[in-house]
Amino acid sequence: MKLILASASPRRAEILSDAGISFELLPVEVDETPCSGESAEAMCTRLAGAKARAAVAHLGALSEPAIVVAADTAVEVGGEILGKPASPEAAREMLRRLSGKTHRVLTALSLVRLPDGATRSDVERTEVRIAALDQDEIEEYVATREPMDKAGGYAIQGRGGRFVESVDGCYFNVVGLPLARLCRILKELGWSPRTGG
């Protein structure tokens, strides 16, 4: 039973590869604009589901069993959703918002088994504490360009890891794919790490 990762994220692909899990990559694009009044958890759940459905539609009829894996990650601080910064100034503002505070990282998973269409979804939540950052630290970090394609404007697995004081929950969730929870759901759908299916 092959796995199909419906994602363009190199970080999600790297997590699976490093864990020795074989998969095929199928990047999909969906409109990630938050709906008015939508919570971070509701947004992640909606977007992960949309990505999974887009991948299933693209695949059409398959000749062999497969599981589509889709995910969406968001950062929430003080009830505000922080997506990917659209500009260096937006990245600076996000880092100022996170500085000296604890924020929540949520990743929604949406899995579809083919050809029968059985679905599973779940949400992982992790609390992350960021050190108090001075303006020079923020400027130097934004200048690396690392924050620009990361939800919340930082990468825990990169240079941004220097600012992380504590993680309460799944580390891989903060990177973008909660590995242990994903493997549990895959097993529920009949996937085996020994055979890949």
C-alpha atoms as a PDB file:
ATOM      1  CA  MET A   1       0.000   0.000   0.000  1.00  0.00           C
ATOM      2  CA  LYS A   2       1.836   3.063  -1.199  1.00  0.00           C
ATOM      3  CA  LEU A   3       1.727   6.441   0.536  1.00  0.00           C
ATOM      4  CA  ILE A   4       1.134   9.620  -1.427  1.00  0.00           C
ATOM      5  CA  LEU A   5       2.140  12.848   0.311  1.00  0.00           C
ATOM      6  CA  ALA A   6      -0.085  15.658  -0.953  1.00  0.00           C
ATOM      7  CA  SER A   7       2.335  18.438  -0.107  1.00  0.00           C
ATOM      8  CA  ALA A   8       4.915  20.733  -1.641  1.00  0.00           C
ATOM      9  CA  SER A   9       6.695  21.077   1.724  1.00  0.00           C
ATOM     10  CA  PRO A  10      10.295  19.820   1.654  1.00  0.00           C
ATOM     11  CA  ARG A  11      10.166  19.642   5.462  1.00  0.00           C
ATOM     12  CA  ARG A  12       7.275  17.160   5.490  1.00  0.00           C
ATOM     13  CA  ALA A  13       8.992  15.029   2.863  1.00  0.00           C
ATOM     14  CA  GLU A  14      12.217  15.084   4.882  1.00  0.00           C
ATOM     15  CA  ILE A  15      10.445  13.927   8.061  1.00  0.00           C
ATOM     16  CA  LEU A  16       9.028  10.891   6.238  1.00  0.00           C
ATOM     17  CA  SER A  17      12.325  10.119   4.490  1.00  0.00           C
ATOM     18  CA  ASP A  18      14.323  10.377   7.722  1.00  0.00           C
ATOM     19  CA  ALA A  19      11.861   7.972   9.375  1.00  0.00           C
ATOM     20  CA  GLY A  20      12.486   5.409   6.613  1.00  0.00           C
ATOM     21  CA  ILE A  21       8.965   5.697   5.209  1.00  0.00           C
ATOM     22  CA  SER A  22       8.606   5.303   1.439  1.00  0.00           C
ATOM     23  CA  PHE A  23       6.204   7.652  -0.302  1.00  0.00           C
ATOM     24  CA  GLU A  24       5.418   9.411  -3.551  1.00  0.00           C
ATOM     25  CA  LEU A  25       5.138  13.176  -3.699  1.00  0.00           C
ATOM     26  CA  LEU A  26       2.077  14.868  -5.173  1.00  0.00           C
ATOM     27  CA  PRO A  27       2.170  18.619  -4.538  1.00  0.00           C
ATOM     28  CA  VAL A  28      -1.278  20.230  -4.569  1.00  0.00           C
ATOM     29  CA  GLU A  29      -2.335  23.846  -4.318  1.00  0.00           C
ATOM     30  CA  VAL A  30      -5.413  25.114  -2.515  1.00  0.00           C
ATOM     31  CA  ASP A  31      -6.521  28.599  -1.530  1.00  0.00           C
ATOM     32  CA  GLU A  32      -5.133  28.998   2.008  1.00  0.00           C
ATOM     33  CA  THR A  33      -6.970  32.240   2.808  1.00  0.00           C
ATOM     34  CA  PRO A  34      -8.545  32.032   6.296  1.00  0.00           C
ATOM     35  CA  CYS A  35     -12.324  32.387   6.447  1.00  0.00           C
ATOM     36  CA  SER A  36     -13.742  35.246   8.483  1.00  0.00           C
ATOM     37  CA  GLY A  37     -13.885  34.366  12.171  1.00  0.00           C
ATOM     38  CA  GLU A  38     -12.269  30.975  11.588  1.00  0.00           C
ATOM     39  CA  SER A  39     -10.142  29.514  14.388  1.00  0.00           C
ATOM     40  CA  ALA A  40      -6.662  28.184  13.680  1.00  0.00           C
ATOM     41  CA  GLU A  41      -7.819  24.622  14.301  1.00  0.00           C
ATOM     42  CA  ALA A  42     -10.843  24.963  12.021  1.00  0.00           C
ATOM     43  CA  MET A  43      -8.690  26.506   9.282  1.00  0.00           C
ATOM     44  CA  CYS A  44      -6.052  23.747   9.459  1.00  0.00           C
ATOM     45  CA  THR A  45      -8.708  21.037   9.401  1.00  0.00           C
ATOM     46  CA  ARG A  46     -10.451  22.611   6.402  1.00  0.00           C
ATOM     47  CA  LEU A  47      -7.236  23.094   4.434  1.00  0.00           C
ATOM     48  CA  ALA A  48      -5.853  19.607   5.129  1.00  0.00           C
ATOM     49  CA  GLY A  49      -9.155  18.147   3.930  1.00  0.00           C
ATOM     50  CA  ALA A  50      -9.095  20.317   0.806  1.00  0.00           C
ATOM     51  CA  LYS A  51      -5.540  19.191  -0.003  1.00  0.00           C
ATOM     52  CA  ALA A  52      -6.484  15.527   0.428  1.00  0.00           C
ATOM     53  CA  ARG A  53      -9.544  15.910  -1.818  1.00  0.00           C
ATOM     54  CA  ALA A  54      -7.479  17.733  -4.466  1.00  0.00           C
ATOM     55  CA  ALA A  55      -4.934  14.909  -4.491  1.00  0.00           C
ATOM     56  CA  VAL A  56      -7.622  12.213  -4.738  1.00  0.00           C
ATOM     57  CA  ALA A  57      -9.251  14.070  -7.641  1.00  0.00           C
ATOM     58  CA  HIS A  58      -5.884  14.343  -9.397  1.00  0.00           C
ATOM     59  CA  LEU A  59      -5.097  10.639  -8.945  1.00  0.00           C
ATOM     60  CA  GLY A  60      -8.395   9.360 -10.338  1.00  0.00           C
ATOM     61  CA  ALA A  61      -8.713   5.563 -10.455  1.00  0.00           C
ATOM     62  CA  LEU A  62      -5.654   3.753  -9.092  1.00  0.00           C
ATOM     63  CA  SER A  63      -4.678   0.188  -9.929  1.00  0.00           C
ATOM     64  CA  GLU A  64      -3.162  -0.460  -6.498  1.00  0.00           C
ATOM     65  CA  PRO A  65      -4.131   0.436  -2.907  1.00  0.00           C
ATOM     66  CA  ALA A  66      -2.778   3.754  -1.626  1.00  0.00           C
ATOM     67  CA  ILE A  67      -3.177   6.214   1.213  1.00  0.00           C
ATOM     68  CA  VAL A  68      -3.169   9.949   0.514  1.00  0.00           C
ATOM     69  CA  VAL A  69      -1.638  12.005   3.338  1.00  0.00           C
ATOM     70  CA  ALA A  70      -2.348  15.738   3.558  1.00  0.00           C
ATOM     71  CA  ALA A  71      -1.473  18.195   6.307  1.00  0.00           C
ATOM     72  CA  ASP A  72      -1.792  21.862   7.163  1.00  0.00           C
ATOM     73  CA  THR A  73       0.080  23.710   9.903  1.00  0.00           C
ATOM     74  CA  ALA A  74      -0.731  27.008  11.606  1.00  0.00           C
ATOM     75  CA  VAL A  75       0.759  29.067  14.406  1.00  0.00           C
ATOM     76  CA  GLU A  76      -1.569  30.758  16.883  1.00  0.00           C
ATOM     77  CA  VAL A  77      -0.653  33.369  19.478  1.00  0.00           C
ATOM     78  CA  GLY A  78      -3.179  35.267  21.567  1.00  0.00           C
ATOM     79  CA  GLY A  79      -6.010  33.976  19.399  1.00  0.00           C
ATOM     80  CA  GLU A  80      -4.374  35.319  16.230  1.00  0.00           C
ATOM     81  CA  ILE A  81      -3.370  33.035  13.338  1.00  0.00           C
ATOM     82  CA  LEU A  82       0.142  33.631  12.016  1.00  0.00           C
ATOM     83  CA  GLY A  83       0.570  32.256   8.509  1.00  0.00           C
ATOM     84  CA  LYS A  84       3.596  32.556   6.260  1.00  0.00           C
ATOM     85  CA  PRO A  85       4.940  36.119   6.188  1.00  0.00           C
ATOM     86  CA  ALA A  86       4.302  37.890   2.913  1.00  0.00           C
ATOM     87  CA  SER A  87       7.230  40.289   3.338  1.00  0.00           C
ATOM     88  CA  PRO A  88      10.312  40.849   5.519  1.00  0.00           C
ATOM     89  CA  GLU A  89       8.341  43.435   7.515  1.00  0.00           C
ATOM     90  CA  ALA A  90       5.566  40.875   8.125  1.00  0.00           C
ATOM     91  CA  ALA A  91       8.233  38.418   9.332  1.00  0.00           C
ATOM     92  CA  ARG A  92       9.618  41.038  11.717  1.00  0.00           C
ATOM     93  CA  GLU A  93       6.145  41.704  13.097  1.00  0.00           C
ATOM     94  CA  MET A  94       5.481  37.991  13.612  1.00  0.00           C
ATOM     95  CA  LEU A  95       8.753  37.542  15.482  1.00  0.00           C
ATOM     96  CA  ARG A  96       7.934  40.557  17.680  1.00  0.00           C
ATOM     97  CA  ARG A  97       4.544  38.940  18.438  1.00  0.00           C
ATOM     98  CA  LEU A  98       6.211  35.640  19.404  1.00  0.00           C
ATOM     99  CA  SER A  99       9.078  37.176  21.365  1.00  0.00           C
ATOM    100  CA  GLY A 100       9.021  36.183  25.048  1.00  0.00           C
ATOM    101  CA  LYS A 101       5.727  34.305  24.709  1.00  0.00           C
ATOM    102  CA  THR A 102       4.318  30.801  24.405  1.00  0.00           C
ATOM    103  CA  HIS A 103       2.399  30.083  21.223  1.00  0.00           C
ATOM    104  CA  ARG A 104       0.562  27.068  19.864  1.00  0.00           C
ATOM    105  CA  VAL A 105       1.401  25.121  16.712  1.00  0.00           C
ATOM    106  CA  LEU A 106      -1.402  23.062  15.194  1.00  0.00           C
ATOM    107  CA  THR A 107      -1.146  20.551  12.383  1.00  0.00           C
ATOM    108  CA  ALA A 108      -4.270  18.965  10.950  1.00  0.00           C
ATOM    109  CA  LEU A 109      -3.909  15.627   9.203  1.00  0.00           C
ATOM    110  CA  SER A 110      -6.325  14.323   6.567  1.00  0.00           C
ATOM    111  CA  LEU A 111      -5.833  10.810   5.180  1.00  0.00           C
ATOM    112  CA  VAL A 112      -7.799   9.006   2.474  1.00  0.00           C
ATOM    113  CA  ARG A 113      -7.377   5.310   1.682  1.00  0.00           C
ATOM    114  CA  LEU A 114      -7.895   4.337  -1.922  1.00  0.00           C
ATOM    115  CA  PRO A 115      -9.742   2.831  -3.610  1.00  0.00           C
ATOM    116  CA  ASP A 116     -12.416   2.508  -0.888  1.00  0.00           C
ATOM    117  CA  GLY A 117     -12.281   6.162   0.205  1.00  0.00           C
ATOM    118  CA  ALA A 118     -11.979   5.496   3.969  1.00  0.00           C
ATOM    119  CA  THR A 119     -10.931   8.734   5.670  1.00  0.00           C
ATOM    120  CA  ARG A 120      -9.276   9.728   8.934  1.00  0.00           C
ATOM    121  CA  SER A 121      -8.455  13.149  10.307  1.00  0.00           C
ATOM    122  CA  ASP A 122      -6.860  14.463  13.482  1.00  0.00           C
ATOM    123  CA  VAL A 123      -5.140  17.541  14.910  1.00  0.00           C
ATOM    124  CA  GLU A 124      -1.836  17.696  16.808  1.00  0.00           C
ATOM    125  CA  ARG A 125      -1.206  20.607  19.201  1.00  0.00           C
ATOM    126  CA  THR A 126       2.184  21.713  20.547  1.00  0.00           C
ATOM    127  CA  GLU A 127       3.088  24.614  22.847  1.00  0.00           C
ATOM    128  CA  VAL A 128       6.331  26.447  21.995  1.00  0.00           C
ATOM    129  CA  ARG A 129       8.063  29.088  24.113  1.00  0.00           C
ATOM    130  CA  ILE A 130      10.197  31.666  22.289  1.00  0.00           C
ATOM    131  CA  ALA A 131      12.896  33.638  24.111  1.00  0.00           C
ATOM    132  CA  ALA A 132      12.698  37.407  24.355  1.00  0.00           C
ATOM    133  CA  LEU A 133      14.246  38.705  21.133  1.00  0.00           C
ATOM    134  CA  ASP A 134      15.919  42.055  20.679  1.00  0.00           C
ATOM    135  CA  GLN A 135      15.618  44.031  17.456  1.00  0.00           C
ATOM    136  CA  ASP A 136      19.108  43.080  16.256  1.00  0.00           C
ATOM    137  CA  GLU A 137      18.315  39.362  16.615  1.00  0.00           C
ATOM    138  CA  ILE A 138      15.098  39.814  14.660  1.00  0.00           C
ATOM    139  CA  GLU A 139      16.834  41.794  11.893  1.00  0.00           C
ATOM    140  CA  GLU A 140      19.662  39.286  11.574  1.00  0.00           C
ATOM    141  CA  TYR A 141      17.247  36.364  11.406  1.00  0.00           C
ATOM    142  CA  VAL A 142      14.957  37.975   8.824  1.00  0.00           C
ATOM    143  CA  ALA A 143      18.035  38.791   6.715  1.00  0.00           C
ATOM    144  CA  THR A 144      18.710  35.035   6.365  1.00  0.00           C
ATOM    145  CA  ARG A 145      15.340  34.717   4.517  1.00  0.00           C
ATOM    146  CA  GLU A 146      14.598  31.570   6.531  1.00  0.00           C
ATOM    147  CA  PRO A 147      11.348  32.960   7.998  1.00  0.00           C
ATOM    148  CA  MET A 148       9.780  33.703   4.624  1.00  0.00           C
ATOM    149  CA  ASP A 149       8.063  30.380   3.853  1.00  0.00           C
ATOM    150  CA  LYS A 150       7.408  29.266   7.432  1.00  0.00           C
ATOM    151  CA  ALA A 151       4.143  29.551   9.371  1.00  0.00           C
ATOM    152  CA  GLY A 152       4.822  31.947  12.229  1.00  0.00           C
ATOM    153  CA  GLY A 153       7.989  33.230  10.577  1.00  0.00           C
ATOM    154  CA  TYR A 154      10.528  30.800  12.075  1.00  0.00           C
ATOM    155  CA  ALA A 155      11.969  27.326  11.533  1.00  0.00           C
ATOM    156  CA  ILE A 156      12.569  25.290  14.693  1.00  0.00           C
ATOM    157  CA  GLN A 157      14.785  22.871  12.726  1.00  0.00           C
ATOM    158  CA  GLY A 158      16.899  25.721  11.336  1.00  0.00           C
ATOM    159  CA  ARG A 159      18.437  28.936  12.603  1.00  0.00           C
ATOM    160  CA  GLY A 160      15.173  29.740  14.372  1.00  0.00           C
ATOM    161  CA  GLY A 161      15.832  26.867  16.763  1.00  0.00           C
ATOM    162  CA  ARG A 162      18.215  29.178  18.631  1.00  0.00           C
ATOM    163  CA  PHE A 163      15.213  31.110  19.918  1.00  0.00           C
ATOM    164  CA  VAL A 164      13.135  28.153  21.155  1.00  0.00           C
ATOM    165  CA  GLU A 165      13.256  27.863  24.950  1.00  0.00           C
ATOM    166  CA  SER A 166      10.860  24.933  25.337  1.00  0.00           C
ATOM    167  CA  VAL A 167       8.555  22.593  23.425  1.00  0.00           C
ATOM    168  CA  ASP A 168       5.577  20.962  25.147  1.00  0.00           C
ATOM    169  CA  GLY A 169       4.330  18.249  22.800  1.00  0.00           C
ATOM    170  CA  CYS A 170       5.449  16.807  19.478  1.00  0.00           C
ATOM    171  CA  TYR A 171       8.596  18.403  18.041  1.00  0.00           C
ATOM    172  CA  PHE A 172       7.852  17.118  14.526  1.00  0.00           C
ATOM    173  CA  ASN A 173       4.485  18.879  14.672  1.00  0.00           C
ATOM    174  CA  VAL A 174       6.344  22.193  14.866  1.00  0.00           C
ATOM    175  CA  VAL A 175       8.343  21.225  11.777  1.00  0.00           C
ATOM    176  CA  GLY A 176       5.069  20.441   9.993  1.00  0.00           C
ATOM    177  CA  LEU A 177       4.182  16.740  10.304  1.00  0.00           C
ATOM    178  CA  PRO A 178       3.369  15.014  13.627  1.00  0.00           C
ATOM    179  CA  LEU A 179       5.104  11.716  12.901  1.00  0.00           C
ATOM    180  CA  ALA A 180       3.885   9.487  15.756  1.00  0.00           C
ATOM    181  CA  ARG A 181       0.244  10.530  15.298  1.00  0.00           C
ATOM    182  CA  LEU A 182       0.524  10.050  11.536  1.00  0.00           C
ATOM    183  CA  CYS A 183       1.928   6.530  11.951  1.00  0.00           C
ATOM    184  CA  ARG A 184      -0.884   5.615  14.349  1.00  0.00           C
ATOM    185  CA  ILE A 185      -3.516   6.727  11.836  1.00  0.00           C
ATOM    186  CA  LEU A 186      -1.730   4.940   8.996  1.00  0.00           C
ATOM    187  CA  LYS A 187      -1.837   1.689  10.973  1.00  0.00           C
ATOM    188  CA  GLU A 188      -5.569   2.213  11.573  1.00  0.00           C
ATOM    189  CA  LEU A 189      -5.947   2.355   7.791  1.00  0.00           C
ATOM    190  CA  GLY A 190      -4.022  -0.892   7.297  1.00  0.00           C
ATOM    191  CA  TRP A 191      -0.555   0.410   6.512  1.00  0.00           C
ATOM    192  CA  SER A 192       2.430  -1.466   7.973  1.00  0.00           C
ATOM    193  CA  PRO A 193       5.923  -0.009   8.451  1.00  0.00           C
ATOM    194  CA  ARG A 194       7.426  -3.437   7.773  1.00  0.00           C
ATOM    195  CA  THR A 195       5.935  -3.835   4.321  1.00  0.00           C
ATOM    196  CA  GLY A 196       4.863  -0.312   3.501  1.00  0.00           C
ATOM    197  CA  GLY A 197       1.347  -1.621   3.128  1.00  0.00           C
END
